[in-house]
Amino acid sequence: MSADLIARDVSVTRGGRTILSSASIAIAPYGLTALIGPNGSGKSTLLRVLAGLWKPATGGVTLGGTAITRLRRREIAQRLAFLPQDTRCDFAFTVEEMVAMGRHPHRGRFDRERDDDRRAIEAAIDICDLRHLRLRTIERLSGGERQRVAIARCLASEPEVILLDEPTAHLDLEHALSILALCRTLADAGRAIAIATHDLAAIARFATHVLLLSHGRVVGDGAPDAVLVPATLRGVFAVETEIVTTADGRQAFIFSQSTRTSGAALRQGLYE
């Protein structure tokens, strides 16, 4: 059963600089929450705090109603999976070996694989459509395939909550949509999912909830159609936005550079 992951009024200071200020968020089961905002807005920082990797200067995080600071690291790893931006592997592990690493929180370092371990591994391989690749070594996979392996490794630990930092970065359009569709499928099945992303157009299609950050502060929180509005996007991203409805009734975004921003850039000689 999934549990809520909630951060209340968390602030983070690094090197004397506040990089996250009084941020609150609830990652709920059956939901795909998107953290969006410009570079440096605090998305990755908030994910690390939610994962219990960084201790906030103020505020706190609860998992299923229990303060995350009261949980052992192993228990957190059993209940919550965090996928950072950099998932590079320098060793020629097979896909199956990589996915099996997700079971480490559930067994001792030298324990033999049990039946429940094997069931979780096989389920993760199937959910992420990796059965035809299970014996292939990781360096022989495409970027999208490697990302599916990384998500399968998270799933093998059978977590209640999955946090992903830029899971579609550097992927082509087909693989990016595939990863986001997989995240939404996992959310629809009952997990609590949160992703940090820059892909606003895809978020309007796949996310159930959006948290918009700017300069370390929450400036938008709600359903995608309530947060992703032209005035807000202009203020945060300095772009003009036209929202159109596609043939299937979905929202699509057309972005253009703000005339104010482009004029300022020209005056500064940025296009010389």
Protein backbone atom coordinates (compact mmCIF):
# COMPACT_ATOMS: atom_id res chain seq x y z
CA MET A 1 0.00 0.00 0.00
CA SER A 2 1.28 3.46 -0.91
CA ALA A 3 1.73 6.27 1.59
CA ASP A 4 1.77 10.03 1.39
CA LEU A 5 5.18 11.72 1.30
CA ILE A 6 4.76 15.23 2.68
CA ALA A 7 7.19 18.11 3.09
CA ARG A 8 6.09 21.06 5.24
CA ASP A 9 7.82 24.45 5.14
CA VAL A 10 11.24 23.01 4.29
CA SER A 11 14.17 25.35 3.72
CA VAL A 12 17.70 24.43 2.66
CA THR A 13 20.82 26.51 3.04
CA ARG A 14 24.14 25.68 1.39
CA GLY A 15 27.29 27.78 1.67
CA GLY A 16 25.42 30.52 3.45
CA ARG A 17 22.88 30.79 0.62
CA THR A 18 19.23 29.77 0.88
CA ILE A 19 18.41 27.57 -2.12
CA LEU A 20 14.98 26.41 -0.96
CA SER A 21 12.67 28.53 1.15
CA SER A 22 9.55 27.35 3.06
CA ALA A 23 8.50 24.82 0.42
CA SER A 24 5.59 22.46 1.07
CA ILE A 25 4.38 19.58 -1.07
CA ALA A 26 2.34 16.39 -0.76
CA ILE A 27 3.18 13.42 -2.99
CA ALA A 28 0.06 11.25 -2.88
CA PRO A 29 -0.71 7.70 -4.06
CA TYR A 30 -2.38 7.42 -7.47
CA GLY A 31 -0.80 10.73 -8.48
CA LEU A 32 2.02 11.92 -10.75
CA THR A 33 3.38 15.17 -9.34
CA ALA A 34 5.65 17.27 -11.55
CA LEU A 35 8.20 19.69 -10.08
CA ILE A 36 8.89 22.36 -12.66
CA GLY A 37 10.86 25.59 -12.77
CA PRO A 38 13.93 27.16 -14.37
CA ASN A 39 17.43 25.85 -13.70
CA GLY A 40 18.46 26.65 -10.14
CA SER A 41 14.88 26.97 -8.91
CA GLY A 42 15.25 24.23 -6.28
CA LYS A 43 13.69 21.17 -7.96
CA SER A 44 16.58 18.76 -7.36
CA THR A 45 17.11 20.14 -3.87
CA LEU A 46 13.49 19.49 -2.95
CA LEU A 47 13.71 15.92 -4.28
CA ARG A 48 16.81 15.25 -2.16
CA VAL A 49 15.02 16.58 0.92
CA LEU A 50 11.98 14.42 0.16
CA ALA A 51 14.25 11.38 -0.21
CA GLY A 52 15.80 12.03 3.19
CA LEU A 53 19.24 12.62 1.66
CA TRP A 54 19.46 16.28 2.70
CA LYS A 55 18.33 17.56 6.07
CA PRO A 56 16.38 20.82 5.81
CA ALA A 57 17.34 23.84 7.91
CA THR A 58 13.67 24.30 8.77
CA GLY A 59 10.54 22.21 8.37
CA GLY A 60 10.35 18.46 7.96
CA VAL A 61 9.28 15.49 5.83
CA THR A 62 6.92 12.65 6.76
CA LEU A 63 6.43 9.30 5.04
CA GLY A 64 3.12 7.67 5.86
CA GLY A 65 2.73 10.03 8.82
CA THR A 66 6.17 9.26 10.34
CA ALA A 67 8.99 11.79 10.33
CA ILE A 68 11.55 10.56 7.84
CA THR A 69 14.32 11.40 10.31
CA ARG A 70 12.91 8.70 12.62
CA LEU A 71 13.19 5.98 9.96
CA ARG A 72 16.32 3.91 9.41
CA ARG A 73 18.03 4.40 6.06
CA ARG A 74 17.27 0.81 5.10
CA GLU A 75 13.55 1.27 5.83
CA ILE A 76 13.49 4.43 3.74
CA ALA A 77 15.17 2.54 0.88
CA GLN A 78 12.51 -0.18 1.12
CA ARG A 79 9.65 2.29 0.96
CA LEU A 80 11.04 5.09 -1.23
CA ALA A 81 13.14 4.99 -4.40
CA PHE A 82 15.08 8.00 -5.67
CA LEU A 83 16.48 8.13 -9.21
CA PRO A 84 19.02 10.97 -9.66
CA GLN A 85 19.89 12.59 -12.98
CA ASP A 86 23.18 10.71 -13.40
CA THR A 87 22.59 6.95 -13.61
CA ARG A 88 25.71 6.04 -15.57
CA CYS A 89 27.17 2.58 -14.96
CA ASP A 90 30.83 1.86 -15.76
CA PHE A 91 30.55 -1.92 -15.48
CA ALA A 92 29.11 -4.39 -18.00
CA PHE A 93 26.24 -5.64 -15.86
CA THR A 94 23.32 -7.26 -17.63
CA VAL A 95 19.87 -5.74 -17.48
CA GLU A 96 18.72 -8.49 -15.12
CA GLU A 97 21.70 -7.90 -12.80
CA MET A 98 20.99 -4.17 -12.71
CA VAL A 99 17.33 -4.68 -11.87
CA ALA A 100 18.23 -7.23 -9.19
CA MET A 101 20.29 -4.56 -7.41
CA GLY A 102 16.99 -2.98 -6.42
CA ARG A 103 16.42 -5.83 -3.96
CA HIS A 104 19.43 -4.91 -1.80
CA PRO A 105 17.35 -2.98 0.79
CA HIS A 106 15.33 -6.15 1.45
CA ARG A 107 18.16 -8.59 2.09
CA GLY A 108 21.58 -8.73 3.69
CA ARG A 109 24.68 -8.07 1.68
CA PHE A 110 25.54 -11.76 1.32
CA ASP A 111 22.04 -13.26 1.52
CA ARG A 112 20.92 -15.55 -1.28
CA GLU A 113 18.04 -14.56 -3.51
CA ARG A 114 14.64 -15.62 -2.17
CA ASP A 115 11.40 -16.36 -3.99
CA ASP A 116 9.97 -12.93 -3.16
CA ASP A 117 13.12 -11.29 -4.55
CA ARG A 118 12.75 -13.18 -7.82
CA ARG A 119 9.05 -12.27 -8.09
CA ALA A 120 9.81 -8.57 -7.59
CA ILE A 121 12.62 -8.64 -10.15
CA GLU A 122 10.50 -10.40 -12.77
CA ALA A 123 7.59 -8.01 -12.17
CA ALA A 124 9.83 -4.96 -12.59
CA ILE A 125 11.29 -6.38 -15.82
CA ASP A 126 7.80 -6.96 -17.21
CA ILE A 127 6.39 -3.58 -16.17
CA CYS A 128 9.28 -1.77 -17.88
CA ASP A 129 9.15 -4.01 -20.99
CA LEU A 130 12.71 -5.31 -20.60
CA ARG A 131 12.24 -9.07 -20.96
CA HIS A 132 13.76 -9.14 -24.46
CA LEU A 133 16.76 -7.20 -23.15
CA ARG A 134 17.33 -8.99 -19.84
CA LEU A 135 20.64 -10.64 -20.87
CA ARG A 136 22.01 -7.64 -22.74
CA THR A 137 24.76 -5.65 -21.03
CA ILE A 138 23.96 -2.11 -20.01
CA GLU A 139 26.48 -0.41 -22.32
CA ARG A 140 24.71 -1.92 -25.34
CA LEU A 141 21.42 -0.16 -24.60
CA SER A 142 20.03 3.10 -25.92
CA GLY A 143 19.48 6.04 -23.57
CA GLY A 144 15.76 5.31 -23.31
CA GLU A 145 16.38 1.64 -22.60
CA ARG A 146 18.91 2.47 -19.87
CA GLN A 147 16.40 4.79 -18.26
CA ARG A 148 13.78 2.03 -18.24
CA VAL A 149 16.34 -0.25 -16.57
CA ALA A 150 16.98 2.41 -13.91
CA ILE A 151 13.26 2.70 -13.23
CA ALA A 152 12.93 -1.09 -13.12
CA ARG A 153 15.69 -1.20 -10.50
CA CYS A 154 13.64 1.26 -8.44
CA LEU A 155 10.51 -0.86 -8.88
CA ALA A 156 12.32 -4.03 -7.78
CA SER A 157 12.53 -2.60 -4.27
CA GLU A 158 8.70 -2.42 -4.30
CA PRO A 159 8.62 1.18 -3.06
CA GLU A 160 5.53 3.11 -2.11
CA VAL A 161 7.02 6.34 -3.47
CA ILE A 162 9.28 6.95 -6.49
CA LEU A 163 11.15 10.24 -7.00
CA LEU A 164 12.81 10.88 -10.37
CA ASP A 165 15.11 13.80 -11.20
CA GLU A 166 14.90 14.75 -14.89
CA PRO A 167 14.09 11.21 -16.08
CA THR A 168 13.71 12.31 -19.71
CA ALA A 169 16.84 14.47 -19.95
CA HIS A 170 18.89 13.76 -23.10
CA LEU A 171 16.27 11.36 -24.48
CA ASP A 172 14.71 11.66 -27.92
CA LEU A 173 11.01 12.44 -28.17
CA GLU A 174 9.81 8.84 -28.52
CA HIS A 175 11.75 7.58 -25.50
CA ALA A 176 10.86 10.64 -23.40
CA LEU A 177 7.14 10.07 -24.01
CA SER A 178 7.59 6.38 -23.23
CA ILE A 179 9.19 7.15 -19.85
CA LEU A 180 6.49 9.68 -18.93
CA ALA A 181 3.74 7.26 -19.96
CA LEU A 182 5.36 4.59 -17.77
CA CYS A 183 5.44 7.01 -14.82
CA ARG A 184 1.76 7.78 -15.28
CA THR A 185 0.95 4.04 -15.49
CA LEU A 186 2.79 3.45 -12.21
CA ALA A 187 0.86 6.31 -10.60
CA ASP A 188 -2.46 5.01 -11.89
CA ALA A 189 -1.62 1.63 -10.33
CA GLY A 190 -1.36 3.23 -6.88
CA ARG A 191 2.18 4.47 -6.40
CA ALA A 192 3.06 8.02 -5.41
CA ILE A 193 5.30 9.43 -8.15
CA ALA A 194 7.15 12.75 -8.38
CA ILE A 195 9.40 13.90 -11.20
CA ALA A 196 11.46 17.02 -11.76
CA THR A 197 11.29 18.09 -15.40
CA HIS A 198 11.55 20.96 -17.86
CA ASP A 199 9.06 19.47 -20.32
CA LEU A 200 6.00 21.63 -19.72
CA ALA A 201 4.11 20.36 -22.75
CA ALA A 202 4.38 16.73 -21.64
CA ILE A 203 3.47 17.63 -18.07
CA ALA A 204 0.13 19.01 -19.21
CA ARG A 205 -0.59 15.57 -20.66
CA PHE A 206 0.76 13.20 -18.00
CA ALA A 207 0.85 14.97 -14.61
CA THR A 208 -2.02 15.02 -12.16
CA HIS A 209 -0.43 17.75 -10.01
CA VAL A 210 2.16 20.48 -10.60
CA LEU A 211 4.44 22.33 -8.20
CA LEU A 212 6.08 25.36 -9.78
CA LEU A 213 9.30 26.68 -8.23
CA SER A 214 11.14 29.94 -8.85
CA HIS A 215 14.26 31.08 -6.99
CA GLY A 216 13.72 28.41 -4.34
CA ARG A 217 10.11 29.36 -3.60
CA VAL A 218 6.82 27.71 -4.51
CA VAL A 219 4.92 30.04 -6.84
CA GLY A 220 2.32 27.59 -8.16
CA ASP A 221 0.66 24.49 -6.72
CA GLY A 222 -2.29 22.64 -8.18
CA ALA A 223 -3.69 20.91 -11.24
CA PRO A 224 -1.75 21.45 -14.49
CA ASP A 225 -4.43 23.61 -16.09
CA ALA A 226 -4.51 25.83 -12.99
CA VAL A 227 -0.73 26.32 -12.76
CA LEU A 228 0.36 26.30 -16.42
CA VAL A 229 -1.31 29.56 -17.40
CA PRO A 230 0.26 32.23 -19.65
CA ALA A 231 0.64 34.93 -16.99
CA THR A 232 2.40 32.61 -14.56
CA LEU A 233 4.68 31.12 -17.21
CA ARG A 234 5.58 34.61 -18.40
CA GLY A 235 6.60 35.65 -14.91
CA VAL A 236 8.66 32.52 -14.17
CA PHE A 237 10.15 31.54 -17.54
CA ALA A 238 10.03 34.89 -19.38
CA VAL A 239 8.15 33.35 -22.32
CA GLU A 240 4.86 34.02 -24.02
CA THR A 241 2.51 31.03 -24.11
CA GLU A 242 -0.36 30.18 -26.41
CA ILE A 243 -2.52 27.27 -25.26
CA VAL A 244 -4.36 25.34 -27.96
CA THR A 245 -6.63 22.31 -27.81
CA THR A 246 -5.64 19.29 -29.88
CA ALA A 247 -8.03 17.04 -31.80
CA ASP A 248 -8.19 14.60 -28.87
CA GLY A 249 -9.13 17.38 -26.44
CA ARG A 250 -5.74 17.77 -24.78
CA GLN A 251 -3.95 21.03 -24.13
CA ALA A 252 -0.83 21.87 -26.15
CA PHE A 253 1.57 24.76 -25.58
CA ILE A 254 3.22 27.04 -28.10
CA PHE A 255 6.06 29.06 -26.58
CA SER A 256 7.74 32.17 -27.91
CA GLN A 257 10.34 34.45 -26.44
CA SER A 258 9.00 37.40 -24.53
CA THR A 259 9.48 40.64 -26.49
CA ARG A 260 10.72 42.27 -23.30
CA THR A 261 13.35 39.54 -22.80
CA SER A 262 14.50 39.48 -26.42
CA GLY A 263 14.81 43.27 -26.48
CA ALA A 264 16.91 43.28 -23.32
CA ALA A 265 19.13 40.55 -24.73
CA LEU A 266 19.70 42.50 -27.91
CA ARG A 267 20.64 45.61 -25.95
CA GLN A 268 23.20 43.55 -24.05
CA GLY A 269 24.71 42.29 -27.28
CA LEU A 270 23.90 38.66 -26.63
CA TYR A 271 23.20 38.02 -30.30
CA GLU A 272 26.34 39.66 -31.68
